[in-house]
Structure formats: C-alpha cells, structure tokens
C-alpha atoms as a PDB file:
ATOM      1  CA  UNK A   1     113.265 112.665  89.131  1.00  0.00           C
ATOM      2  CA  UNK A   2     112.350 109.887  91.553  1.00  0.00           C
ATOM      3  CA  UNK A   3     111.147 106.470  90.414  1.00  0.00           C
ATOM      4  CA  UNK A   4     107.760 106.032  92.139  1.00  0.00           C
ATOM      5  CA  UNK A   5     107.881 102.228  92.176  1.00  0.00           C
ATOM      6  CA  UNK A   6     111.413 102.234  93.580  1.00  0.00           C
ATOM      7  CA  UNK A   7     110.386 104.634  96.367  1.00  0.00           C
ATOM      8  CA  UNK A   8     107.299 102.522  97.143  1.00  0.00           C
ATOM      9  CA  UNK A   9     109.483  99.419  97.314  1.00  0.00           C
ATOM     10  CA  UNK A  10     111.903 101.095  99.752  1.00  0.00           C
ATOM     11  CA  UNK A  11     108.999 102.390 101.831  1.00  0.00           C
ATOM     12  CA  UNK A  12     107.395  98.948 101.978  1.00  0.00           C
ATOM     13  CA  UNK A  13     110.661  97.408 103.135  1.00  0.00           C
ATOM     14  CA  UNK A  14     110.888  99.932 106.000  1.00  0.00           C
ATOM     15  CA  UNK A  15     107.249 100.129 107.079  1.00  0.00           C
ATOM     16  CA  UNK A  16     105.995  96.541 106.704  1.00  0.00           C
ATOM     17  CA  UNK A  17     107.708  95.235 109.886  1.00  0.00           C
ATOM     18  CA  UNK A  18     106.384  98.245 111.851  1.00  0.00           C
ATOM     19  CA  UNK A  19     102.822  97.726 110.645  1.00  0.00           C
ATOM     20  CA  UNK A  20     102.870  93.981 111.272  1.00  0.00           C
ATOM     21  CA  UNK A  21     104.460  94.465 114.700  1.00  0.00           C
ATOM     22  CA  UNK A  22     101.531  96.773 115.523  1.00  0.00           C
ATOM     23  CA  UNK A  23      99.021  93.999 114.773  1.00  0.00           C
ATOM     24  CA  UNK A  24      97.897  95.562 111.493  1.00  0.00           C
ATOM     25  CA  UNK A  25      98.442  94.840 107.809  1.00  0.00           C
ATOM     26  CA  UNK A  26      99.405  97.022 104.853  1.00  0.00           C
ATOM     27  CA  UNK A  27      96.641  97.700 102.343  1.00  0.00           C
ATOM     28  CA  UNK A  28      98.364 100.174 100.016  1.00  0.00           C
ATOM     29  CA  UNK A  29     101.002 102.886  99.636  1.00  0.00           C
ATOM     30  CA  UNK A  30     100.195 105.960  97.555  1.00  0.00           C
ATOM     31  CA  UNK A  31     102.438 108.862  96.609  1.00  0.00           C
ATOM     32  CA  UNK A  32     100.484 111.965  95.662  1.00  0.00           C
ATOM     33  CA  UNK A  33     101.669 115.356  94.481  1.00  0.00           C
ATOM     34  CA  UNK A  34     105.212 116.470  93.719  1.00  0.00           C
ATOM     35  CA  UNK A  35     108.077 118.367  95.302  1.00  0.00           C
ATOM     36  CA  UNK A  36     107.201 120.056  98.567  1.00  0.00           C
ATOM     37  CA  UNK A  37     103.607 119.002  98.163  1.00  0.00           C
ATOM     38  CA  UNK A  38     104.389 115.270  98.151  1.00  0.00           C
ATOM     39  CA  UNK A  39     102.025 113.225 100.326  1.00  0.00           C
ATOM     40  CA  UNK A  40     102.965 109.710 101.393  1.00  0.00           C
ATOM     41  CA  UNK A  41      99.670 107.938 102.101  1.00  0.00           C
ATOM     42  CA  UNK A  42      99.862 104.600 103.877  1.00  0.00           C
ATOM     43  CA  UNK A  43      96.636 102.620 104.213  1.00  0.00           C
ATOM     44  CA  UNK A  44      96.483 100.064 107.017  1.00  0.00           C
ATOM     45  CA  UNK A  45      93.850  97.876 108.616  1.00  0.00           C
ATOM     46  CA  UNK A  46      93.425  95.110 111.185  1.00  0.00           C
ATOM     47  CA  UNK A  47      91.277  92.000 111.142  1.00  0.00           C
ATOM     48  CA  UNK A  48      88.920  93.678 113.641  1.00  0.00           C
ATOM     49  CA  UNK A  49      88.919  97.116 111.992  1.00  0.00           C
ATOM     50  CA  UNK A  50      91.414  99.867 112.750  1.00  0.00           C
ATOM     51  CA  UNK A  51      91.040 102.754 115.190  1.00  0.00           C
ATOM     52  CA  UNK A  52      92.294 106.321 114.958  1.00  0.00           C
ATOM     53  CA  UNK A  53      94.507 105.631 117.982  1.00  0.00           C
ATOM     54  CA  UNK A  54      96.120 102.633 116.246  1.00  0.00           C
ATOM     55  CA  UNK A  55      96.713 104.735 113.087  1.00  0.00           C
ATOM     56  CA  UNK A  56      98.363 107.437 115.214  1.00  0.00           C
ATOM     57  CA  UNK A  57     100.607 104.865 116.915  1.00  0.00           C
ATOM     58  CA  UNK A  58     101.661 103.373 113.573  1.00  0.00           C
ATOM     59  CA  UNK A  59     102.171 106.851 112.088  1.00  0.00           C
ATOM     60  CA  UNK A  60     104.555 107.883 114.891  1.00  0.00           C
ATOM     61  CA  UNK A  61     106.599 104.722 114.509  1.00  0.00           C
ATOM     62  CA  UNK A  62     106.748 105.014 110.721  1.00  0.00           C
ATOM     63  CA  UNK A  63     107.654 108.696 110.927  1.00  0.00           C
ATOM     64  CA  UNK A  64     110.579 107.920 113.247  1.00  0.00           C
ATOM     65  CA  UNK A  65     111.820 105.143 110.928  1.00  0.00           C
ATOM     66  CA  UNK A  66     111.528 107.330 107.820  1.00  0.00           C
ATOM     67  CA  UNK A  67     113.341 110.197 109.537  1.00  0.00           C
ATOM     68  CA  UNK A  68     116.163 107.807 110.423  1.00  0.00           C
ATOM     69  CA  UNK A  69     116.425 105.979 107.084  1.00  0.00           C
ATOM     70  CA  UNK A  70     115.432 108.930 104.833  1.00  0.00           C
ATOM     71  CA  UNK A  71     114.228 106.947 101.766  1.00  0.00           C
ATOM     72  CA  UNK A  72     112.434 109.912 100.165  1.00  0.00           C
ATOM     73  CA  UNK A  73     114.372 112.859  98.787  1.00  0.00           C
ATOM     74  CA  UNK A  74     113.063 116.245  99.944  1.00  0.00           C
ATOM     75  CA  UNK A  75     110.130 117.011 102.170  1.00  0.00           C
ATOM     76  CA  UNK A  76     106.785 115.249 102.291  1.00  0.00           C
ATOM     77  CA  UNK A  77     103.721 114.832 104.479  1.00  0.00           C
ATOM     78  CA  UNK A  78     102.986 111.408 105.967  1.00  0.00           C
ATOM     79  CA  UNK A  79      99.376 110.243 106.285  1.00  0.00           C
ATOM     80  CA  UNK A  80      98.492 106.899 107.863  1.00  0.00           C
ATOM     81  CA  UNK A  81      94.816 105.926 107.726  1.00  0.00           C
ATOM     82  CA  UNK A  82      92.330 103.147 107.125  1.00  0.00           C
ATOM     83  CA  UNK A  83      91.262 102.382 103.559  1.00  0.00           C
ATOM     84  CA  UNK A  84      87.761 103.646 104.375  1.00  0.00           C
ATOM     85  CA  UNK A  85      84.327 102.617 103.174  1.00  0.00           C
ATOM     86  CA  UNK A  86      83.852 102.875  99.442  1.00  0.00           C
ATOM     87  CA  UNK A  87      87.492 102.444  98.486  1.00  0.00           C
ATOM     88  CA  UNK A  88      88.316  99.443  96.279  1.00  0.00           C
ATOM     89  CA  UNK A  89      89.925  96.453  98.004  1.00  0.00           C
ATOM     90  CA  UNK A  90      93.647  96.173  97.332  1.00  0.00           C
ATOM     91  CA  UNK A  91      94.549  92.952  99.162  1.00  0.00           C
ATOM     92  CA  UNK A  92      92.791  89.606  99.625  1.00  0.00           C
ATOM     93  CA  UNK A  93      92.885  89.981 103.413  1.00  0.00           C
ATOM     94  CA  UNK A  94      90.315  92.798 103.145  1.00  0.00           C
ATOM     95  CA  UNK A  95      87.709  90.230 102.125  1.00  0.00           C
ATOM     96  CA  UNK A  96      88.327  88.238 105.309  1.00  0.00           C
ATOM     97  CA  UNK A  97      87.930  91.325 107.503  1.00  0.00           C
ATOM     98  CA  UNK A  98      84.693  92.391 105.793  1.00  0.00           C
ATOM     99  CA  UNK A  99      82.675  89.167 106.058  1.00  0.00           C
ATOM    100  CA  UNK A 100      79.101  90.114 106.948  1.00  0.00           C
ATOM    101  CA  UNK A 101      79.261  93.523 105.261  1.00  0.00           C
ATOM    102  CA  UNK A 102      77.725  94.578 101.982  1.00  0.00           C
ATOM    103  CA  UNK A 103      80.028  94.762  98.966  1.00  0.00           C
ATOM    104  CA  UNK A 104      79.569  96.205  95.515  1.00  0.00           C
ATOM    105  CA  UNK A 105      81.472  93.859  93.223  1.00  0.00           C
ATOM    106  CA  UNK A 106      82.309  94.194  89.521  1.00  0.00           C
ATOM    107  CA  UNK A 107      83.348  90.883  88.021  1.00  0.00           C
ATOM    108  CA  UNK A 108      83.578  88.880  84.807  1.00  0.00           C
ATOM    109  CA  UNK A 109      80.698  86.420  84.502  1.00  0.00           C
ATOM    110  CA  UNK A 110      82.156  83.075  83.362  1.00  0.00           C
ATOM    111  CA  UNK A 111      78.990  82.008  81.561  1.00  0.00           C
ATOM    112  CA  UNK A 112      78.016  85.277  79.864  1.00  0.00           C
ATOM    113  CA  UNK A 113      81.669  86.279  79.296  1.00  0.00           C
ATOM    114  CA  UNK A 114      80.893  89.875  80.187  1.00  0.00           C
ATOM    115  CA  UNK A 115      81.264  92.274  83.070  1.00  0.00           C
ATOM    116  CA  UNK A 116      78.565  92.322  85.748  1.00  0.00           C
ATOM    117  CA  UNK A 117      78.057  94.318  88.922  1.00  0.00           C
ATOM    118  CA  UNK A 118      76.194  93.181  92.028  1.00  0.00           C
ATOM    119  CA  UNK A 119      75.525  94.414  95.532  1.00  0.00           C
ATOM    120  CA  UNK A 120      75.456  91.663  98.122  1.00  0.00           C
ATOM    121  CA  UNK A 121      76.389  90.602 101.609  1.00  0.00           C
ATOM    122  CA  UNK A 122      79.774  88.904 101.874  1.00  0.00           C
ATOM    123  CA  UNK A 123      78.949  85.551 103.459  1.00  0.00           C
ATOM    124  CA  UNK A 124      82.438  84.043 103.394  1.00  0.00           C
ATOM    125  CA  UNK A 125      85.936  84.525 102.059  1.00  0.00           C
ATOM    126  CA  UNK A 126      88.311  81.645 101.408  1.00  0.00           C
ATOM    127  CA  UNK A 127      91.727  81.271  99.842  1.00  0.00           C
ATOM    128  CA  UNK A 128      90.339  80.905  96.301  1.00  0.00           C
ATOM    129  CA  UNK A 129      86.765  82.271  96.368  1.00  0.00           C
ATOM    130  CA  UNK A 130      84.250  84.518  98.069  1.00  0.00           C
ATOM    131  CA  UNK A 131      80.528  83.904  98.572  1.00  0.00           C
ATOM    132  CA  UNK A 132      78.066  86.765  98.150  1.00  0.00           C
ATOM    133  CA  UNK A 133      74.393  86.654  99.052  1.00  0.00           C
ATOM    134  CA  UNK A 134      72.555  88.632  96.364  1.00  0.00           C
ATOM    135  CA  UNK A 135      68.736  88.713  96.462  1.00  0.00           C
ATOM    136  CA  UNK A 136      68.540  85.412  98.417  1.00  0.00           C
ATOM    137  CA  UNK A 137      70.885  83.740  95.936  1.00  0.00           C
ATOM    138  CA  UNK A 138      74.441  82.666  96.754  1.00  0.00           C
ATOM    139  CA  UNK A 139      77.061  83.696  94.183  1.00  0.00           C
ATOM    140  CA  UNK A 140      80.531  82.155  94.356  1.00  0.00           C
ATOM    141  CA  UNK A 141      83.312  84.193  92.733  1.00  0.00           C
ATOM    142  CA  UNK A 142      86.978  83.363  92.251  1.00  0.00           C
ATOM    143  CA  UNK A 143      89.311  86.233  93.123  1.00  0.00           C
ATOM    144  CA  UNK A 144      90.639  86.316  89.558  1.00  0.00           C
ATOM    145  CA  UNK A 145      87.097  87.059  88.283  1.00  0.00           C
ATOM    146  CA  UNK A 146      86.789  90.149  90.476  1.00  0.00           C
ATOM    147  CA  UNK A 147      87.623  93.443  88.784  1.00  0.00           C
ATOM    148  CA  UNK A 148      86.718  95.657  91.767  1.00  0.00           C
ATOM    149  CA  UNK A 149      85.137  95.195  95.170  1.00  0.00           C
ATOM    150  CA  UNK A 150      84.354  97.766  97.820  1.00  0.00           C
ATOM    151  CA  UNK A 151      82.259  97.990 100.944  1.00  0.00           C
ATOM    152  CA  UNK A 152      78.994  99.845 100.737  1.00  0.00           C
ATOM    153  CA  UNK A 153      76.740 101.114 103.481  1.00  0.00           C
ATOM    154  CA  UNK A 154      73.184  99.843 102.993  1.00  0.00           C
ATOM    155  CA  UNK A 155      70.363 101.578 104.879  1.00  0.00           C
END
C-alpha cells in the first residue's frame, strides 16, 4: 500500500522545478482512484492565467520526468490542468492572480466570532490581507480568517 503523502512529496520534488521553469506555479497535487485507475492530477496556473497549450507543454515535460524517475508504483493517468473557476483556492498566490474578479469567501468574523460568507470583488491582495468590495463596502480579511475562497462568475 502506498503512502499518499509520501508519493505527493516525491512528485512535488520532481515536478516543481519543471512547473516553475515553465513560468507557472503549482496549485495542488491530487491522487484519485486506486490501482490501474489511479489518476495523478496536477493543478497549475500562471499570474496571467494559464492556457491549454501551456498545460500541454507542462504535461509533456512532467510525463517525461515521471517516466524517467518512476516515483509511482504501477500504472496511472497524468492530468495537468488549471484549477478552474469554482474550485477553492489552495495557495496564497491565487489571490494575487484573481484581483478584479468576484470571489465567494467563507471566513470567521472577528467581531461576531462566527462564520460568514460573502460575494465580492477582490480589490487587492497583500502578504497578510485581502480587500473585498461587498455592496459598496470594503472588507479587509486576514488570510488566517479565510476558511474557503473561490472565484465565481457574476452575470
């Protein structure tokens, strides 16, 4: 039986230089399924948004490296893609690349000491906080307050 966290750690060690060399950044690594149905899902993005062509380029390079280093026992299917709209943010850098977009954010309200959820436009993202414009009001949230944030398409 393989240790999922150990495999993810080995994968990260192999793929991180490839992703960064391609001008992208790693969002997440997911292992889904078991045995012959194992899927290795690698989510990547760039500061300007990622293209299908860039995902294909990164996928080819990762595939070659994994074939050479063979960190996963048995067969698997490799999928390299963007995190997509509606998926929760996994890394702080996603906030920086989504300034100007609408986010649905669940967070702990410091004053009320309870969970709240808002939909607002991400005005800015700094090292410690983000600023959301919600109904003409500016809300400043520290990253540690945020339980979940994801982009949302507003019509």
